[in-house]
Amino acid sequence: MYAYATGRVLDSTVVVIDGRTGERLSSQALASRMRYGVGRFSSALALYVAMMQGAMGEWLETITAASNSSRN
């Protein structure tokens, strides 16, 4: 059986920049996230928001690790 579904992919890179000097402190590519919509939650915006909410923890961990390593 085949069911049509609309999907989206979120590719993201976290770049940490020193606010005073503008120097790039670190750059970390994160794992791609894929989401397929079903029913009323298949709009591009709904899929985007769901992926962003799922990725937020990983982004914060990456930013924290980069800022801790730049202090040492």
PDB file of N, CA and C in Angstrom:
ATOM      1  N   MET A   1       0.837  -1.171   0.000  1.00  0.00           N
ATOM      2  CA  MET A   1       0.000   0.000   0.000  1.00  0.00           C
ATOM      3  C   MET A   1       0.889   1.243   0.000  1.00  0.00           C
ATOM      4  N   TYR A   2       0.492   2.248  -0.725  1.00  0.00           N
ATOM      5  CA  TYR A   2       1.231   3.504  -0.826  1.00  0.00           C
ATOM      6  C   TYR A   2       0.384   4.617  -0.237  1.00  0.00           C
ATOM      7  N   ALA A   3       0.957   5.389   0.645  1.00  0.00           N
ATOM      8  CA  ALA A   3       0.262   6.543   1.220  1.00  0.00           C
ATOM      9  C   ALA A   3       1.102   7.781   0.924  1.00  0.00           C
ATOM     10  N   TYR A   4       0.491   8.780   0.340  1.00  0.00           N
ATOM     11  CA  TYR A   4       1.175  10.022   0.016  1.00  0.00           C
ATOM     12  C   TYR A   4       1.418  10.816   1.289  1.00  0.00           C
ATOM     13  N   ALA A   5       2.631  11.308   1.461  1.00  0.00           N
ATOM     14  CA  ALA A   5       2.960  12.136   2.620  1.00  0.00           C
ATOM     15  C   ALA A   5       3.959  13.205   2.195  1.00  0.00           C
ATOM     16  N   THR A   6       3.771  14.394   2.692  1.00  0.00           N
ATOM     17  CA  THR A   6       4.688  15.498   2.443  1.00  0.00           C
ATOM     18  C   THR A   6       5.732  15.503   3.547  1.00  0.00           C
ATOM     19  N   GLY A   7       6.982  15.677   3.179  1.00  0.00           N
ATOM     20  CA  GLY A   7       8.038  15.666   4.181  1.00  0.00           C
ATOM     21  C   GLY A   7       8.961  16.860   4.067  1.00  0.00           C
ATOM     22  N   ARG A   8       9.682  17.102   5.108  1.00  0.00           N
ATOM     23  CA  ARG A   8      10.651  18.191   5.159  1.00  0.00           C
ATOM     24  C   ARG A   8      11.921  17.681   5.822  1.00  0.00           C
ATOM     25  N   VAL A   9      13.056  18.315   5.493  1.00  0.00           N
ATOM     26  CA  VAL A   9      14.350  17.985   6.092  1.00  0.00           C
ATOM     27  C   VAL A   9      14.929  19.263   6.689  1.00  0.00           C
ATOM     28  N   LEU A  10      15.478  19.161   7.899  1.00  0.00           N
ATOM     29  CA  LEU A  10      16.129  20.288   8.553  1.00  0.00           C
ATOM     30  C   LEU A  10      17.610  19.956   8.683  1.00  0.00           C
ATOM     31  N   ASP A  11      18.457  20.677   7.954  1.00  0.00           N
ATOM     32  CA  ASP A  11      19.908  20.578   8.082  1.00  0.00           C
ATOM     33  C   ASP A  11      20.370  21.834   8.805  1.00  0.00           C
ATOM     34  N   SER A  12      21.128  21.662   9.872  1.00  0.00           N
ATOM     35  CA  SER A  12      21.531  22.840  10.638  1.00  0.00           C
ATOM     36  C   SER A  12      22.993  22.767  11.045  1.00  0.00           C
ATOM     37  N   THR A  13      23.585  23.945  11.163  1.00  0.00           N
ATOM     38  CA  THR A  13      24.946  24.097  11.646  1.00  0.00           C
ATOM     39  C   THR A  13      24.933  25.180  12.711  1.00  0.00           C
ATOM     40  N   VAL A  14      25.496  24.874  13.866  1.00  0.00           N
ATOM     41  CA  VAL A  14      25.601  25.852  14.949  1.00  0.00           C
ATOM     42  C   VAL A  14      26.967  26.510  14.843  1.00  0.00           C
ATOM     43  N   VAL A  15      26.970  27.824  14.705  1.00  0.00           N
ATOM     44  CA  VAL A  15      28.210  28.600  14.625  1.00  0.00           C
ATOM     45  C   VAL A  15      28.226  29.546  15.824  1.00  0.00           C
ATOM     46  N   VAL A  16      29.280  29.451  16.638  1.00  0.00           N
ATOM     47  CA  VAL A  16      29.431  30.317  17.810  1.00  0.00           C
ATOM     48  C   VAL A  16      30.458  31.392  17.464  1.00  0.00           C
ATOM     49  N   ILE A  17      30.035  32.657  17.629  1.00  0.00           N
ATOM     50  CA  ILE A  17      30.867  33.809  17.266  1.00  0.00           C
ATOM     51  C   ILE A  17      31.082  34.673  18.495  1.00  0.00           C
ATOM     52  N   ASP A  18      32.318  35.102  18.718  1.00  0.00           N
ATOM     53  CA  ASP A  18      32.639  36.021  19.807  1.00  0.00           C
ATOM     54  C   ASP A  18      31.979  37.362  19.510  1.00  0.00           C
ATOM     55  N   GLY A  19      31.165  37.835  20.439  1.00  0.00           N
ATOM     56  CA  GLY A  19      30.428  39.078  20.237  1.00  0.00           C
ATOM     57  C   GLY A  19      31.290  40.322  20.205  1.00  0.00           C
ATOM     58  N   ARG A  20      32.458  40.281  20.795  1.00  0.00           N
ATOM     59  CA  ARG A  20      33.334  41.455  20.808  1.00  0.00           C
ATOM     60  C   ARG A  20      34.246  41.523  19.596  1.00  0.00           C
ATOM     61  N   THR A  21      34.851  40.390  19.255  1.00  0.00           N
ATOM     62  CA  THR A  21      35.849  40.393  18.183  1.00  0.00           C
ATOM     63  C   THR A  21      35.287  39.958  16.833  1.00  0.00           C
ATOM     64  N   GLY A  22      34.147  39.250  16.855  1.00  0.00           N
ATOM     65  CA  GLY A  22      33.599  38.733  15.609  1.00  0.00           C
ATOM     66  C   GLY A  22      34.279  37.455  15.156  1.00  0.00           C
ATOM     67  N   GLU A  23      35.191  36.937  15.973  1.00  0.00           N
ATOM     68  CA  GLU A  23      35.914  35.717  15.634  1.00  0.00           C
ATOM     69  C   GLU A  23      34.992  34.503  15.774  1.00  0.00           C
ATOM     70  N   ARG A  24      35.079  33.597  14.818  1.00  0.00           N
ATOM     71  CA  ARG A  24      34.300  32.359  14.887  1.00  0.00           C
ATOM     72  C   ARG A  24      34.990  31.409  15.851  1.00  0.00           C
ATOM     73  N   LEU A  25      34.303  31.069  16.928  1.00  0.00           N
ATOM     74  CA  LEU A  25      34.877  30.210  17.954  1.00  0.00           C
ATOM     75  C   LEU A  25      34.723  28.740  17.613  1.00  0.00           C
ATOM     76  N   SER A  26      33.593  28.378  17.038  1.00  0.00           N
ATOM     77  CA  SER A  26      33.389  26.988  16.650  1.00  0.00           C
ATOM     78  C   SER A  26      32.261  26.889  15.634  1.00  0.00           C
ATOM     79  N   SER A  27      32.259  25.786  14.934  1.00  0.00           N
ATOM     80  CA  SER A  27      31.222  25.489  13.953  1.00  0.00           C
ATOM     81  C   SER A  27      30.949  23.988  14.019  1.00  0.00           C
ATOM     82  N   GLN A  28      29.711  23.618  14.254  1.00  0.00           N
ATOM     83  CA  GLN A  28      29.355  22.212  14.421  1.00  0.00           C
ATOM     84  C   GLN A  28      28.103  21.889  13.602  1.00  0.00           C
ATOM     85  N   ALA A  29      28.246  21.006  12.626  1.00  0.00           N
ATOM     86  CA  ALA A  29      27.090  20.546  11.850  1.00  0.00           C
ATOM     87  C   ALA A  29      26.334  19.519  12.688  1.00  0.00           C
ATOM     88  N   LEU A  30      25.032  19.664  12.760  1.00  0.00           N
ATOM     89  CA  LEU A  30      24.204  18.745  13.516  1.00  0.00           C
ATOM     90  C   LEU A  30      23.557  17.728  12.584  1.00  0.00           C
ATOM     91  N   ALA A  31      23.084  16.663  13.156  1.00  0.00           N
ATOM     92  CA  ALA A  31      22.442  15.605  12.361  1.00  0.00           C
ATOM     93  C   ALA A  31      21.188  16.145  11.675  1.00  0.00           C
ATOM     94  N   SER A  32      20.940  15.672  10.466  1.00  0.00           N
ATOM     95  CA  SER A  32      19.730  16.057   9.735  1.00  0.00           C
ATOM     96  C   SER A  32      18.510  15.471  10.425  1.00  0.00           C
ATOM     97  N   ARG A  33      17.432  16.208  10.350  1.00  0.00           N
ATOM     98  CA  ARG A  33      16.166  15.739  10.899  1.00  0.00           C
ATOM     99  C   ARG A  33      15.150  15.699   9.770  1.00  0.00           C
ATOM    100  N   MET A  34      14.355  14.632   9.745  1.00  0.00           N
ATOM    101  CA  MET A  34      13.348  14.452   8.723  1.00  0.00           C
ATOM    102  C   MET A  34      11.989  14.275   9.388  1.00  0.00           C
ATOM    103  N   ARG A  35      10.983  14.854   8.778  1.00  0.00           N
ATOM    104  CA  ARG A  35       9.635  14.730   9.341  1.00  0.00           C
ATOM    105  C   ARG A  35       8.640  14.655   8.203  1.00  0.00           C
ATOM    106  N   TYR A  36       7.697  13.754   8.323  1.00  0.00           N
ATOM    107  CA  TYR A  36       6.629  13.622   7.335  1.00  0.00           C
ATOM    108  C   TYR A  36       5.318  13.992   7.993  1.00  0.00           C
ATOM    109  N   GLY A  37       4.515  14.739   7.267  1.00  0.00           N
ATOM    110  CA  GLY A  37       3.237  15.178   7.803  1.00  0.00           C
ATOM    111  C   GLY A  37       2.130  14.200   7.497  1.00  0.00           C
ATOM    112  N   VAL A  38       1.225  14.088   8.443  1.00  0.00           N
ATOM    113  CA  VAL A  38       0.055  13.240   8.270  1.00  0.00           C
ATOM    114  C   VAL A  38      -1.167  14.055   8.692  1.00  0.00           C
ATOM    115  N   GLY A  39      -2.170  14.068   7.847  1.00  0.00           N
ATOM    116  CA  GLY A  39      -3.405  14.762   8.195  1.00  0.00           C
ATOM    117  C   GLY A  39      -3.234  16.259   8.296  1.00  0.00           C
ATOM    118  N   ARG A  40      -3.794  16.825   9.331  1.00  0.00           N
ATOM    119  CA  ARG A  40      -3.793  18.289   9.463  1.00  0.00           C
ATOM    120  C   ARG A  40      -2.445  18.867   9.873  1.00  0.00           C
ATOM    121  N   PHE A  41      -1.491  18.016  10.265  1.00  0.00           N
ATOM    122  CA  PHE A  41      -0.176  18.496  10.678  1.00  0.00           C
ATOM    123  C   PHE A  41       0.859  18.378   9.562  1.00  0.00           C
ATOM    124  N   SER A  42       0.410  18.443   8.329  1.00  0.00           N
ATOM    125  CA  SER A  42       1.339  18.253   7.213  1.00  0.00           C
ATOM    126  C   SER A  42       1.781  19.554   6.560  1.00  0.00           C
ATOM    127  N   SER A  43       1.369  20.703   7.094  1.00  0.00           N
ATOM    128  CA  SER A  43       1.807  21.964   6.487  1.00  0.00           C
ATOM    129  C   SER A  43       3.300  22.158   6.721  1.00  0.00           C
ATOM    130  N   ALA A  44       3.920  22.905   5.847  1.00  0.00           N
ATOM    131  CA  ALA A  44       5.358  23.162   5.967  1.00  0.00           C
ATOM    132  C   ALA A  44       5.681  23.826   7.301  1.00  0.00           C
ATOM    133  N   LEU A  45       4.857  24.763   7.727  1.00  0.00           N
ATOM    134  CA  LEU A  45       5.105  25.465   8.986  1.00  0.00           C
ATOM    135  C   LEU A  45       5.012  24.517  10.184  1.00  0.00           C
ATOM    136  N   ALA A  46       4.008  23.653  10.210  1.00  0.00           N
ATOM    137  CA  ALA A  46       3.854  22.707  11.322  1.00  0.00           C
ATOM    138  C   ALA A  46       5.037  21.748  11.390  1.00  0.00           C
ATOM    139  N   LEU A  47       5.499  21.261  10.239  1.00  0.00           N
ATOM    140  CA  LEU A  47       6.648  20.360  10.221  1.00  0.00           C
ATOM    141  C   LEU A  47       7.915  21.083  10.664  1.00  0.00           C
ATOM    142  N   TYR A  48       8.089  22.322  10.207  1.00  0.00           N
ATOM    143  CA  TYR A  48       9.262  23.122  10.581  1.00  0.00           C
ATOM    144  C   TYR A  48       9.298  23.355  12.090  1.00  0.00           C
ATOM    145  N   VAL A  49       8.181  23.759  12.659  1.00  0.00           N
ATOM    146  CA  VAL A  49       8.126  24.028  14.100  1.00  0.00           C
ATOM    147  C   VAL A  49       8.413  22.751  14.888  1.00  0.00           C
ATOM    148  N   ALA A  50       7.864  21.627  14.473  1.00  0.00           N
ATOM    149  CA  ALA A  50       8.106  20.362  15.165  1.00  0.00           C
ATOM    150  C   ALA A  50       9.588  19.993  15.122  1.00  0.00           C
ATOM    151  N   MET A  51      10.234  20.178  13.973  1.00  0.00           N
ATOM    152  CA  MET A  51      11.659  19.863  13.871  1.00  0.00           C
ATOM    153  C   MET A  51      12.505  20.822  14.691  1.00  0.00           C
ATOM    154  N   MET A  52      12.156  22.104  14.703  1.00  0.00           N
ATOM    155  CA  MET A  52      12.906  23.085  15.482  1.00  0.00           C
ATOM    156  C   MET A  52      12.807  22.781  16.976  1.00  0.00           C
ATOM    157  N   GLN A  53      11.626  22.420  17.438  1.00  0.00           N
ATOM    158  CA  GLN A  53      11.462  22.084  18.857  1.00  0.00           C
ATOM    159  C   GLN A  53      12.274  20.846  19.221  1.00  0.00           C
ATOM    160  N   GLY A  54      12.315  19.878  18.334  1.00  0.00           N
ATOM    161  CA  GLY A  54      13.099  18.671  18.586  1.00  0.00           C
ATOM    162  C   GLY A  54      14.595  18.921  18.582  1.00  0.00           C
ATOM    163  N   ALA A  55      15.053  19.890  17.806  1.00  0.00           N
ATOM    164  CA  ALA A  55      16.484  20.171  17.678  1.00  0.00           C
ATOM    165  C   ALA A  55      17.009  21.125  18.749  1.00  0.00           C
ATOM    166  N   MET A  56      16.127  21.832  19.431  1.00  0.00           N
ATOM    167  CA  MET A  56      16.550  22.881  20.359  1.00  0.00           C
ATOM    168  C   MET A  56      17.507  22.368  21.444  1.00  0.00           C
ATOM    169  N   GLY A  57      17.250  21.217  22.023  1.00  0.00           N
ATOM    170  CA  GLY A  57      18.128  20.674  23.063  1.00  0.00           C
ATOM    171  C   GLY A  57      19.532  20.417  22.553  1.00  0.00           C
ATOM    172  N   GLU A  58      19.631  19.854  21.348  1.00  0.00           N
ATOM    173  CA  GLU A  58      20.938  19.575  20.762  1.00  0.00           C
ATOM    174  C   GLU A  58      21.684  20.876  20.460  1.00  0.00           C
ATOM    175  N   TRP A  59      20.962  21.884  20.008  1.00  0.00           N
ATOM    176  CA  TRP A  59      21.595  23.185  19.743  1.00  0.00           C
ATOM    177  C   TRP A  59      22.157  23.779  21.024  1.00  0.00           C
ATOM    178  N   LEU A  60      21.364  23.742  22.089  1.00  0.00           N
ATOM    179  CA  LEU A  60      21.813  24.320  23.356  1.00  0.00           C
ATOM    180  C   LEU A  60      23.018  23.573  23.914  1.00  0.00           C
ATOM    181  N   GLU A  61      23.029  22.249  23.800  1.00  0.00           N
ATOM    182  CA  GLU A  61      24.190  21.468  24.241  1.00  0.00           C
ATOM    183  C   GLU A  61      25.438  21.845  23.457  1.00  0.00           C
ATOM    184  N   THR A  62      25.296  22.016  22.153  1.00  0.00           N
ATOM    185  CA  THR A  62      26.430  22.370  21.296  1.00  0.00           C
ATOM    186  C   THR A  62      26.955  23.753  21.635  1.00  0.00           C
ATOM    187  N   ILE A  63      26.059  24.703  21.854  1.00  0.00           N
ATOM    188  CA  ILE A  63      26.461  26.074  22.200  1.00  0.00           C
ATOM    189  C   ILE A  63      27.152  26.090  23.559  1.00  0.00           C
ATOM    190  N   THR A  64      26.609  25.358  24.528  1.00  0.00           N
ATOM    191  CA  THR A  64      27.208  25.299  25.867  1.00  0.00           C
ATOM    192  C   THR A  64      28.602  24.692  25.813  1.00  0.00           C
ATOM    193  N   ALA A  65      28.746  23.592  25.091  1.00  0.00           N
ATOM    194  CA  ALA A  65      30.054  22.947  24.979  1.00  0.00           C
ATOM    195  C   ALA A  65      31.062  23.881  24.315  1.00  0.00           C
ATOM    196  N   ALA A  66      30.645  24.600  23.286  1.00  0.00           N
ATOM    197  CA  ALA A  66      31.565  25.513  22.583  1.00  0.00           C
ATOM    198  C   ALA A  66      31.962  26.688  23.481  1.00  0.00           C
ATOM    199  N   SER A  67      31.019  27.223  24.238  1.00  0.00           N
ATOM    200  CA  SER A  67      31.347  28.353  25.095  1.00  0.00           C
ATOM    201  C   SER A  67      32.219  27.920  26.266  1.00  0.00           C
ATOM    202  N   ASN A  68      32.016  26.702  26.773  1.00  0.00           N
ATOM    203  CA  ASN A  68      32.876  26.194  27.854  1.00  0.00           C
ATOM    204  C   ASN A  68      34.294  25.953  27.364  1.00  0.00           C
ATOM    205  N   SER A  69      34.456  25.441  26.157  1.00  0.00           N
ATOM    206  CA  SER A  69      35.803  25.175  25.645  1.00  0.00           C
ATOM    207  C   SER A  69      36.532  26.475  25.299  1.00  0.00           C
ATOM    208  N   SER A  70      35.818  27.529  24.950  1.00  0.00           N
ATOM    209  CA  SER A  70      36.475  28.797  24.625  1.00  0.00           C
ATOM    210  C   SER A  70      36.952  29.521  25.878  1.00  0.00           C
ATOM    211  N   ARG A  71      36.399  29.183  27.027  1.00  0.00           N
ATOM    212  CA  ARG A  71      36.820  29.808  28.285  1.00  0.00           C
ATOM    213  C   ARG A  71      38.115  29.227  28.817  1.00  0.00           C
ATOM    214  N   ASN A  72      38.447  28.025  28.398  1.00  0.00           N
ATOM    215  CA  ASN A  72      39.641  27.344  28.926  1.00  0.00           C
ATOM    216  C   ASN A  72      40.892  27.821  28.260  1.00  0.00           C
TER     217      ASN A  72
END
